Structure formats: structure tokens, C-alpha cells
Amino acid sequence: MSDELLGLEKYVVTFYIFHIIIAVIVSIISARYLKKRFVNDTDEAKAKDITRTKNMDAHSFMFKQWFKVSLHKNNPKTIFFFIFVFNLSLPVIGYLFTLWIARYLINVDYGKKVADTNILNLDEFGSSFLKVERIFGEGSIADLMTNDYAPKSKKLKALSSLANHATPANLQIIRQTLSSTDDEIRMFGYAIINKAEKSLNAKMNYYLEIITEQEEGDRDKKIIAEAAKELAPLYWEMIYTELTHESLKNSFIKSVIYYIDIAKDFYIPEIRKVDRRVEIYKKEIEKAEEAELNLEHNRELAKDKTAKYFSEKLEEELLFKSKINDICTRLYILMGRVYMKQAEYDNAKTEFTLAQELHDEKLIFVLPYLAEIYYLTGNHKIVKSIMKDAEGLALNATLFPVVEQWKAS
């Protein structure tokens, strides 16, 4: 029995020697064959390999060798090593699988990746566009509200979440509940809309009373302008949130324009006045600094003639100018939005441009309005340049997909 086992051991050893030799040969042939499929000798791949290899100088010799083998998935050394281990683990059967895998990898076709998105014809967007429906977000809530089989508890919970944000989209969904057959849902929806409308009306009445009192009494232009700058956006919010009746929209738009004009008549001249005072204080600072260089004259300088005094006054004026600029910026932007609603795009563009000119830095929140104007007027090249230059727009979750689409177009 022992003699037979010794005889078998010789054959087993011989078998494994031939098996290892065949596995090496098959692995070498397969690695070279598959190299045609997985090309890795590009300049970019070589540059990356050199850089990564240099970073391994501090490691051991064996670690460097293993790292070189596994530099990237298309490395022939990696392919050889994988196939060799595979064949060594599966004698005879592994050869057949290796041949089949190599043949499959050479002949398999992958889906082509679209690298150039210029195939989109942006000129067609002016007349038609793909219909987009929401799957998540308020789209699903809208379906929930109109679904007769949805639980009442879920509808009430959804209405509660919408009640905290009176946006046009949310109020539009809430309005759908007014036709609900369930009295509780219908009354809750009405209560939310009524509360939002009453809140705006209360604010509007407060500022209207201030203007009425001033017109009947002192006629203080500053107080009237301060009330007007608050009234204009409130009237606009009634239109924007669609809380006002359709028949009153034109009247409300006229009110927005009326109060914007009142506020502009006061605040825009204030900018010019502030600019003149700023220039005067700058010159006075220069004179005071020259005077202070003369020690004898400096002893006779009054407190309201020193450079420090004028510097403080200049700082006050600059802060006041910043405040006025912010007010006028809001007025210009609001007027621009009104012009956009009336499809007067040239006038709207002028208002947004004037808002931008009041600031040295780029106003990111103005750019979407300008982009929309250029898009509506068919000037898609300028839209693309605006989206590419305005990096800050990508931080807005709502605008991010729009910005990315235009960047790729």
C-alpha cells in the first residue's frame, strides 16, 4: 500500500509542475491578449504611476513591488497575477474559464458614454420644452392631497408642514384642499390661507396708516419713504404668493410701482448727497493731517477740525451709504421683477443693472433674474456665460441642477 502511495506522489508532483507551467503560460498569453482591451499606456496613466511610485520611497522593497503590481486595474501585471492565481486554484477547469473570460472581455460592448452635450439645441427651448413632473417634494404632497384613499392624519401632517412656509408652490397645494370632501381638511386649508392673507393685510394697513397720517399732517418725506419701501414688497408678496384675487392683480401691480416710485424719489437723491459728503470728509481729512504735521498749529486745532473727527464722520457716512444702497438695491430688484411679470424685459434688465452698479462686488442673487431675461429673449450664449461665471449659484439647492445643465451645454 505504501509503495502505491509513493508511486502516486510522483505523479502528483509531476502534475503540479506541469500545472504551474501551463498556468504561467496561459496567464502570460491572456495578459498580453487582454492588454488590447485594457489600454493603460496613455501619458496621463504613466504620469500618475510615476508620481505614485515616487511617494513609496519610504516603504519596504516588498511593499513597493506589490504596489507596482496593483498601480491600476488595467496593469498587465495585475491581469497576469489574477489569472495565474485563478488557474492555480482550479486545475484544468481554470484553463477553460480563462479562455472564455478572455474571449468575452475582448468582444463585450459597453454602453457609450455621452461626453459632448452640445447635441442639445437650446434654440428650441424658446418654443417647446420637455414636460417635467415632480416625483418627490411638493409633487408627492400634491398627490397626497388629491388622493381620496390617503389617510386623513397624513394630510393634516402635510398641511401643518406647508403652513410654516407660505410660498406660491405651497399655497397652490393648500388651495387644492378647499375642494376636499372632508370638512376638517377643507377648513384647515382655508384657515392656513386666511391666516397668511390676514398677516399680510395687517402689515399693509400698518404702513398705509403711517402714510395717511403724514399726508394729512407733517408730510415728512423720510417717514413716507420708509413706509413706502415696506409697502411695495408687501403688495408684491400678495401677487407672488397668489393670495390676491385675479381681478385685483393689475391694481396691486400699480400699487407696487406707485410705492417704489415714492421710495426711489427719496432714497436715490440721498445716495448722491452721501457721495458728496463722503468726498468732502475725505478732503477735510487730508487738510487736517497736513495741519497736524505742524506741531504749533496742532495745539490750536479744535476737536471738530482733527483728522480723527473727520475719519469718524466719514465712517458714519459710509455706513449710512451702505444702508441706503441696500434699500435702493431692493427697490431696483423689485421693480425689475414687476417689469418681468409685465414682459418688459429691457426695462427689467435696466433695473437689475442699476442694482448691480450700487455695489463693487458681484451680486449673485441678481444673476438668476438676468439669466432668465436673456433666456426668455433667446440669447442663450449670455445665459451660459452667466451660469459659468456665477459660482455662488451652485450653492443654492434649487438652482444647482439648472447651473450644472447650462455649464455642460
Protein backbone atom coordinates (compact mmCIF):
# COMPACT_ATOMS: atom_id res chain seq x y z
CA MET A 1 0.00 0.00 0.00
CA SER A 2 2.80 2.38 0.90
CA ASP A 3 4.57 1.61 -2.41
CA GLU A 4 1.40 2.55 -4.31
CA LEU A 5 1.13 5.84 -2.42
CA LEU A 6 4.76 6.66 -3.15
CA GLY A 7 4.09 5.99 -6.84
CA LEU A 8 1.03 8.30 -6.77
CA GLU A 9 3.02 11.07 -5.07
CA LYS A 10 5.44 11.13 -8.02
CA TYR A 11 2.53 11.65 -10.43
CA VAL A 12 1.01 14.34 -8.20
CA VAL A 13 4.28 16.25 -8.08
CA THR A 14 4.69 15.91 -11.86
CA PHE A 15 1.07 17.02 -12.35
CA TYR A 16 1.54 20.16 -10.24
CA ILE A 17 4.78 21.05 -12.02
CA PHE A 18 3.06 20.82 -15.41
CA HIS A 19 0.01 22.60 -13.97
CA ILE A 20 2.12 25.55 -12.75
CA ILE A 21 3.95 25.77 -16.10
CA ILE A 22 0.66 25.72 -18.05
CA ALA A 23 -0.89 28.29 -15.65
CA VAL A 24 2.07 30.63 -16.19
CA ILE A 25 1.88 30.24 -20.00
CA VAL A 26 -1.91 30.78 -20.08
CA SER A 27 -1.60 33.80 -17.77
CA ILE A 28 1.14 35.42 -19.90
CA ILE A 29 -0.83 34.88 -23.13
CA SER A 30 -4.08 36.11 -21.55
CA ALA A 31 -2.43 39.19 -20.05
CA ARG A 32 -0.95 40.20 -23.42
CA TYR A 33 -4.22 39.39 -25.20
CA LEU A 34 -6.32 41.41 -22.80
CA LYS A 35 -3.89 44.33 -22.94
CA LYS A 36 -5.54 45.20 -26.26
CA ARG A 37 -8.81 45.60 -24.41
CA PHE A 38 -7.48 47.49 -21.39
CA VAL A 39 -5.11 50.12 -22.68
CA ASN A 40 -3.04 51.71 -19.91
CA ASP A 41 -0.06 53.24 -21.68
CA THR A 42 -1.51 56.73 -22.02
CA ASP A 43 0.57 59.76 -20.98
CA GLU A 44 -1.89 60.54 -18.18
CA ALA A 45 -1.71 56.99 -16.75
CA LYS A 46 2.10 56.97 -16.94
CA ALA A 47 2.39 60.34 -15.22
CA LYS A 48 0.12 59.19 -12.39
CA ASP A 49 2.08 55.95 -11.99
CA ILE A 50 5.41 57.80 -11.75
CA THR A 51 4.06 60.24 -9.15
CA ARG A 52 2.50 57.50 -7.03
CA THR A 53 5.63 55.34 -7.24
CA LYS A 54 7.86 58.21 -6.04
CA ASN A 55 5.65 58.58 -2.97
CA MET A 56 6.52 54.97 -1.98
CA ASP A 57 10.27 55.58 -1.41
CA ALA A 58 9.95 55.29 2.36
CA HIS A 59 8.33 51.82 2.25
CA SER A 60 9.91 48.36 2.15
CA PHE A 61 11.07 46.57 -1.03
CA MET A 62 8.22 44.02 -0.95
CA PHE A 63 5.63 46.73 -0.40
CA LYS A 64 6.99 48.63 -3.45
CA GLN A 65 6.74 45.51 -5.61
CA TRP A 66 3.19 44.79 -4.57
CA PHE A 67 2.30 48.45 -5.11
CA LYS A 68 3.72 48.40 -8.66
CA VAL A 69 1.67 45.30 -9.44
CA SER A 70 -1.52 46.99 -8.27
CA LEU A 71 -0.97 50.51 -9.66
CA HIS A 72 -4.28 50.46 -11.54
CA LYS A 73 -6.82 47.92 -12.75
CA ASN A 74 -5.56 47.88 -16.37
CA ASN A 75 -1.99 46.90 -15.43
CA PRO A 76 -0.84 43.72 -17.33
CA LYS A 77 0.98 42.59 -14.16
CA THR A 78 -2.28 42.66 -12.24
CA ILE A 79 -4.06 40.75 -15.01
CA PHE A 80 -1.30 38.12 -15.08
CA PHE A 81 -1.31 37.73 -11.30
CA PHE A 82 -5.11 37.35 -11.15
CA ILE A 83 -5.29 34.77 -13.96
CA PHE A 84 -2.35 32.81 -12.56
CA VAL A 85 -3.93 32.52 -9.10
CA PHE A 86 -7.27 31.69 -10.72
CA ASN A 87 -5.77 28.84 -12.83
CA LEU A 88 -3.67 27.58 -9.92
CA SER A 89 -6.80 27.33 -7.76
CA LEU A 90 -8.83 25.49 -10.42
CA PRO A 91 -6.65 22.90 -12.23
CA VAL A 92 -7.77 22.12 -15.78
CA ILE A 93 -11.21 23.76 -15.36
CA GLY A 94 -9.50 27.11 -14.83
CA TYR A 95 -7.95 26.95 -18.31
CA LEU A 96 -11.37 26.68 -19.93
CA PHE A 97 -12.79 29.52 -17.82
CA THR A 98 -9.76 31.70 -18.61
CA LEU A 99 -10.23 31.23 -22.36
CA TRP A 100 -13.93 32.02 -22.07
CA ILE A 101 -13.34 35.13 -19.89
CA ALA A 102 -10.63 36.47 -22.23
CA ARG A 103 -12.86 35.96 -25.28
CA TYR A 104 -15.81 37.59 -23.53
CA LEU A 105 -13.82 40.65 -22.38
CA ILE A 106 -12.46 41.24 -25.88
CA ASN A 107 -15.85 41.02 -27.57
CA VAL A 108 -18.18 42.57 -24.97
CA ASP A 109 -19.62 46.02 -25.81
CA TYR A 110 -20.34 48.63 -23.13
CA GLY A 111 -22.85 51.42 -23.39
CA LYS A 112 -21.28 54.53 -24.89
CA LYS A 113 -20.84 57.48 -22.56
CA VAL A 114 -22.04 60.80 -23.95
CA ALA A 115 -19.15 63.23 -23.45
CA ASP A 116 -20.42 66.07 -25.63
CA THR A 117 -23.73 67.60 -24.52
CA ASN A 118 -23.74 70.21 -27.26
CA ILE A 119 -26.20 67.96 -29.07
CA LEU A 120 -28.89 69.87 -27.12
CA ASN A 121 -30.42 72.51 -29.35
CA LEU A 122 -31.04 75.38 -26.95
CA ASP A 123 -32.77 77.42 -29.66
CA GLU A 124 -35.71 75.04 -29.49
CA PHE A 125 -36.29 75.75 -25.80
CA GLY A 126 -37.99 79.05 -26.59
CA SER A 127 -40.93 77.28 -28.26
CA SER A 128 -41.02 73.92 -26.52
CA PHE A 129 -39.51 72.03 -23.62
CA LEU A 130 -39.76 68.61 -22.07
CA LYS A 131 -42.62 68.19 -19.63
CA VAL A 132 -41.18 67.82 -16.14
CA GLU A 133 -43.22 66.30 -13.33
CA ARG A 134 -42.13 66.07 -9.70
CA ILE A 135 -41.67 62.65 -8.17
CA PHE A 136 -40.61 63.81 -4.70
CA GLY A 137 -41.05 67.06 -2.79
CA GLU A 138 -44.26 69.03 -3.22
CA GLY A 139 -45.30 66.86 -6.18
CA SER A 140 -45.87 63.89 -3.88
CA ILE A 141 -47.68 66.11 -1.35
CA ALA A 142 -49.99 67.34 -4.12
CA ASP A 143 -50.85 63.75 -4.96
CA LEU A 144 -51.43 63.07 -1.27
CA MET A 145 -53.91 65.96 -1.01
CA THR A 146 -55.95 64.85 -4.03
CA ASN A 147 -55.90 61.14 -3.17
CA ASP A 148 -59.28 60.12 -1.73
CA TYR A 149 -57.78 56.98 -0.16
CA ALA A 150 -54.90 58.70 1.65
CA PRO A 151 -55.23 58.75 5.47
CA LYS A 152 -56.54 61.99 6.95
CA SER A 153 -53.76 62.03 9.55
CA LYS A 154 -51.10 62.19 6.82
CA LYS A 155 -52.93 65.00 5.01
CA LEU A 156 -53.16 67.04 8.21
CA LYS A 157 -49.47 66.45 8.93
CA ALA A 158 -48.55 67.57 5.40
CA LEU A 159 -50.70 70.70 5.74
CA SER A 160 -49.00 71.53 9.04
CA SER A 161 -45.57 71.37 7.41
CA LEU A 162 -46.72 73.57 4.50
CA ALA A 163 -48.30 76.14 6.81
CA ASN A 164 -44.88 77.28 8.08
CA HIS A 165 -43.70 78.29 4.58
CA ALA A 166 -46.18 80.41 2.64
CA THR A 167 -44.50 80.06 -0.76
CA PRO A 168 -46.52 80.14 -4.02
CA ALA A 169 -45.94 76.41 -4.56
CA ASN A 170 -47.08 75.54 -1.03
CA LEU A 171 -50.15 77.78 -1.17
CA GLN A 172 -51.12 76.28 -4.53
CA ILE A 173 -51.12 72.81 -2.92
CA ILE A 174 -53.05 74.09 0.09
CA ARG A 175 -55.71 75.56 -2.24
CA GLN A 176 -56.36 72.06 -3.59
CA THR A 177 -57.71 71.13 -0.16
CA LEU A 178 -60.51 73.73 -0.48
CA SER A 179 -62.39 71.30 -2.76
CA SER A 180 -61.88 68.34 -0.41
CA THR A 181 -64.96 66.37 0.66
CA ASP A 182 -63.56 66.14 4.18
CA ASP A 183 -64.71 69.14 6.24
CA GLU A 184 -61.71 69.07 8.57
CA ILE A 185 -59.17 69.07 5.72
CA ARG A 186 -61.07 71.79 3.86
CA MET A 187 -61.37 74.05 6.90
CA PHE A 188 -57.71 73.57 7.83
CA GLY A 189 -56.61 74.56 4.32
CA TYR A 190 -58.88 77.62 4.39
CA ALA A 191 -57.52 78.60 7.83
CA ILE A 192 -53.91 78.50 6.59
CA ILE A 193 -54.66 80.66 3.54
CA ASN A 194 -56.77 83.05 5.60
CA LYS A 195 -54.01 83.40 8.21
CA ALA A 196 -51.37 84.17 5.56
CA GLU A 197 -53.65 86.75 3.93
CA LYS A 198 -54.56 88.40 7.24
CA SER A 199 -50.90 88.62 8.26
CA LEU A 200 -50.01 90.48 5.06
CA ASN A 201 -53.09 92.71 5.28
CA ALA A 202 -52.24 93.69 8.86
CA LYS A 203 -48.73 94.76 7.85
CA MET A 204 -50.04 96.65 4.82
CA ASN A 205 -52.65 98.51 6.90
CA TYR A 206 -49.99 99.48 9.45
CA TYR A 207 -47.81 101.22 6.84
CA LEU A 208 -50.81 102.67 4.97
CA GLU A 209 -51.92 104.37 8.20
CA ILE A 210 -48.44 105.89 8.61
CA ILE A 211 -48.57 107.35 5.10
CA THR A 212 -52.13 108.63 5.61
CA GLU A 213 -51.17 110.35 8.88
CA GLN A 214 -48.16 112.02 7.26
CA GLU A 215 -50.12 113.17 4.22
CA GLU A 216 -52.73 114.74 6.50
CA GLY A 217 -50.16 116.19 8.92
CA ASP A 218 -46.42 116.92 8.77
CA ARG A 219 -45.77 115.35 5.32
CA ASP A 220 -42.35 114.08 6.44
CA LYS A 221 -40.85 112.69 3.24
CA LYS A 222 -38.45 110.40 5.10
CA ILE A 223 -41.23 108.69 7.10
CA ILE A 224 -43.39 108.35 3.98
CA ALA A 225 -40.46 106.86 2.01
CA GLU A 226 -39.68 104.39 4.83
CA ALA A 227 -43.30 103.22 4.84
CA ALA A 228 -43.42 103.08 1.02
CA LYS A 229 -40.30 100.88 0.81
CA GLU A 230 -42.03 98.39 3.13
CA LEU A 231 -45.41 98.58 1.38
CA ALA A 232 -44.11 97.85 -2.13
CA PRO A 233 -42.76 94.35 -1.29
CA LEU A 234 -45.90 93.56 0.73
CA TYR A 235 -48.14 94.27 -2.27
CA TRP A 236 -45.77 92.23 -4.41
CA GLU A 237 -45.92 89.34 -1.96
CA MET A 238 -49.72 89.32 -2.29
CA ILE A 239 -49.23 88.85 -6.03
CA TYR A 240 -46.28 86.48 -5.78
CA THR A 241 -47.97 84.15 -3.29
CA GLU A 242 -51.23 84.41 -5.31
CA LEU A 243 -53.19 85.42 -2.23
CA THR A 244 -54.84 88.22 -4.13
CA HIS A 245 -57.80 87.60 -6.43
CA GLU A 246 -57.08 87.52 -10.16
CA SER A 247 -59.21 90.62 -10.75
CA LEU A 248 -57.10 92.65 -8.29
CA LYS A 249 -53.65 91.72 -9.64
CA ASN A 250 -53.36 94.67 -12.04
CA SER A 251 -54.40 97.06 -9.28
CA PHE A 252 -51.84 95.57 -6.91
CA ILE A 253 -49.07 95.81 -9.53
CA LYS A 254 -49.88 99.50 -9.95
CA SER A 255 -49.63 99.90 -6.16
CA VAL A 256 -46.22 98.20 -6.16
CA ILE A 257 -44.95 100.60 -8.84
CA TYR A 258 -46.51 103.60 -7.06
CA TYR A 259 -44.80 102.92 -3.72
CA ILE A 260 -41.48 102.01 -5.37
CA ASP A 261 -41.51 105.40 -7.11
CA ILE A 262 -42.22 107.19 -3.81
CA ALA A 263 -39.32 105.40 -2.12
CA LYS A 264 -36.97 105.99 -5.08
CA ASP A 265 -37.75 109.71 -5.16
CA PHE A 266 -36.41 109.98 -1.61
CA TYR A 267 -33.58 107.41 -1.42
CA ILE A 268 -31.86 107.80 -4.81
CA PRO A 269 -31.10 111.54 -4.26
CA GLU A 270 -29.85 110.54 -0.79
CA ILE A 271 -27.13 108.43 -2.43
CA ARG A 272 -25.85 111.46 -4.33
CA LYS A 273 -25.95 113.59 -1.16
CA VAL A 274 -23.99 110.97 0.76
CA ASP A 275 -21.42 110.71 -2.03
CA ARG A 276 -20.86 114.47 -1.87
CA ARG A 277 -20.44 114.38 1.91
CA VAL A 278 -18.02 111.47 1.63
CA GLU A 279 -15.86 113.46 -0.81
CA ILE A 280 -15.95 116.50 1.48
CA TYR A 281 -14.85 114.45 4.52
CA LYS A 282 -12.02 112.84 2.56
CA LYS A 283 -10.68 116.26 1.61
CA GLU A 284 -11.09 117.54 5.18
CA ILE A 285 -9.11 114.53 6.47
CA GLU A 286 -6.24 115.39 4.12
CA LYS A 287 -6.26 119.02 5.26
CA ALA A 288 -6.39 118.03 8.94
CA GLU A 289 -3.50 115.60 8.55
CA GLU A 290 -1.39 118.33 6.92
CA ALA A 291 -2.29 120.75 9.71
CA GLU A 292 -1.40 118.20 12.40
CA LEU A 293 2.10 117.89 10.95
CA ASN A 294 2.69 121.42 12.17
CA LEU A 295 3.03 121.00 15.96
CA GLU A 296 2.44 124.68 16.76
CA HIS A 297 -0.75 124.75 14.69
CA ASN A 298 -1.83 121.44 16.12
CA ARG A 299 -2.17 122.97 19.61
CA GLU A 300 -4.75 125.42 18.24
CA LEU A 301 -6.83 122.80 16.35
CA ALA A 302 -10.37 122.38 17.64
CA LYS A 303 -11.74 118.90 18.24
CA ASP A 304 -14.08 119.21 15.25
CA LYS A 305 -11.13 120.00 12.97
CA THR A 306 -8.91 116.99 13.63
CA ALA A 307 -8.34 114.11 11.22
CA LYS A 308 -9.79 111.71 13.80
CA TYR A 309 -13.05 113.69 13.92
CA PHE A 310 -13.41 113.70 10.13
CA SER A 311 -12.49 110.00 9.96
CA GLU A 312 -15.31 109.17 12.37
CA LYS A 313 -17.72 111.28 10.33
CA LEU A 314 -16.57 109.58 7.14
CA GLU A 315 -17.14 106.15 8.69
CA GLU A 316 -20.67 107.19 9.70
CA GLU A 317 -21.43 108.37 6.17
CA LEU A 318 -20.08 105.18 4.62
CA LEU A 319 -22.28 103.08 6.92
CA PHE A 320 -25.27 105.26 6.02
CA LYS A 321 -24.42 104.93 2.32
CA SER A 322 -24.27 101.14 2.65
CA LYS A 323 -27.73 101.17 4.26
CA ILE A 324 -29.17 103.42 1.52
CA ASN A 325 -27.55 101.27 -1.19
CA ASP A 326 -29.19 98.16 0.25
CA ILE A 327 -32.60 99.86 0.27
CA CYS A 328 -32.22 101.09 -3.31
CA THR A 329 -30.96 97.66 -4.40
CA ARG A 330 -34.15 96.05 -3.09
CA LEU A 331 -36.25 98.70 -4.83
CA TYR A 332 -34.48 98.21 -8.17
CA ILE A 333 -34.78 94.42 -7.94
CA LEU A 334 -38.46 94.59 -7.01
CA MET A 335 -39.14 96.96 -9.91
CA GLY A 336 -37.23 94.62 -12.21
CA ARG A 337 -39.41 91.69 -11.13
CA VAL A 338 -42.54 93.75 -11.82
CA TYR A 339 -41.26 94.56 -15.32
CA MET A 340 -40.52 90.86 -15.87
CA LYS A 341 -44.10 89.96 -14.94
CA GLN A 342 -45.28 92.54 -17.46
CA ALA A 343 -42.86 91.09 -20.09
CA GLU A 344 -40.98 94.44 -20.31
CA TYR A 345 -37.58 92.74 -20.38
CA ASP A 346 -35.46 95.74 -21.44
CA ASN A 347 -36.79 97.82 -18.55
CA ALA A 348 -36.28 94.88 -16.18
CA LYS A 349 -32.68 94.49 -17.33
CA THR A 350 -32.07 98.19 -16.70
CA GLU A 351 -33.38 97.91 -13.12
CA PHE A 352 -31.21 94.87 -12.33
CA THR A 353 -28.17 96.57 -13.85
CA LEU A 354 -28.76 99.67 -11.70
CA ALA A 355 -28.95 97.42 -8.63
CA GLN A 356 -25.61 95.86 -9.57
CA GLU A 357 -23.95 99.26 -10.11
CA LEU A 358 -24.60 100.23 -6.49
CA HIS A 359 -22.13 97.56 -5.34
CA ASP A 360 -18.48 96.92 -6.11
CA GLU A 361 -18.80 93.14 -5.67
CA LYS A 362 -20.92 90.90 -7.91
CA LEU A 363 -24.49 90.46 -6.62
CA ILE A 364 -25.07 86.73 -7.01
CA PHE A 365 -28.80 86.93 -6.25
CA VAL A 366 -29.34 89.33 -9.21
CA LEU A 367 -27.80 86.98 -11.77
CA PRO A 368 -30.69 84.46 -11.95
CA TYR A 369 -33.05 87.28 -12.95
CA LEU A 370 -30.67 88.47 -15.68
CA ALA A 371 -30.18 84.88 -16.86
CA GLU A 372 -33.95 84.43 -17.07
CA ILE A 373 -34.32 87.63 -19.11
CA TYR A 374 -31.65 86.56 -21.61
CA TYR A 375 -33.19 83.09 -21.79
CA LEU A 376 -36.68 84.48 -22.46
CA THR A 377 -35.29 86.80 -25.14
CA GLY A 378 -33.44 83.89 -26.81
CA ASN A 379 -29.87 84.98 -26.00
CA HIS A 380 -28.67 81.59 -24.71
CA LYS A 381 -24.93 82.31 -25.05
CA ILE A 382 -25.13 85.03 -22.40
CA VAL A 383 -27.17 82.72 -20.14
CA LYS A 384 -24.40 80.13 -20.41
CA SER A 385 -21.68 82.68 -19.56
CA ILE A 386 -23.66 83.94 -16.54
CA MET A 387 -24.09 80.41 -15.20
CA LYS A 388 -20.41 79.57 -15.69
CA ASP A 389 -19.14 82.75 -14.01
CA ALA A 390 -21.55 82.69 -11.06
CA GLU A 391 -20.01 80.02 -8.86
CA GLY A 392 -22.15 81.05 -5.90
CA LEU A 393 -25.35 79.95 -7.66
CA ALA A 394 -24.30 76.30 -7.37
CA LEU A 395 -24.62 76.63 -3.57
CA ASN A 396 -28.36 77.10 -3.98
CA ALA A 397 -30.01 73.66 -3.88
CA THR A 398 -32.84 74.82 -6.16
CA LEU A 399 -30.56 76.37 -8.76
CA PHE A 400 -27.78 73.75 -8.63
CA PRO A 401 -29.23 71.39 -11.31
CA VAL A 402 -30.01 74.37 -13.56
CA VAL A 403 -26.46 75.74 -13.22
CA GLU A 404 -24.91 72.32 -13.91
CA GLN A 405 -27.08 71.84 -17.01
CA TRP A 406 -26.01 75.17 -18.50
CA LYS A 407 -22.36 74.57 -17.63
CA ALA A 408 -22.43 71.27 -19.51
CA SER A 409 -24.30 72.64 -22.53
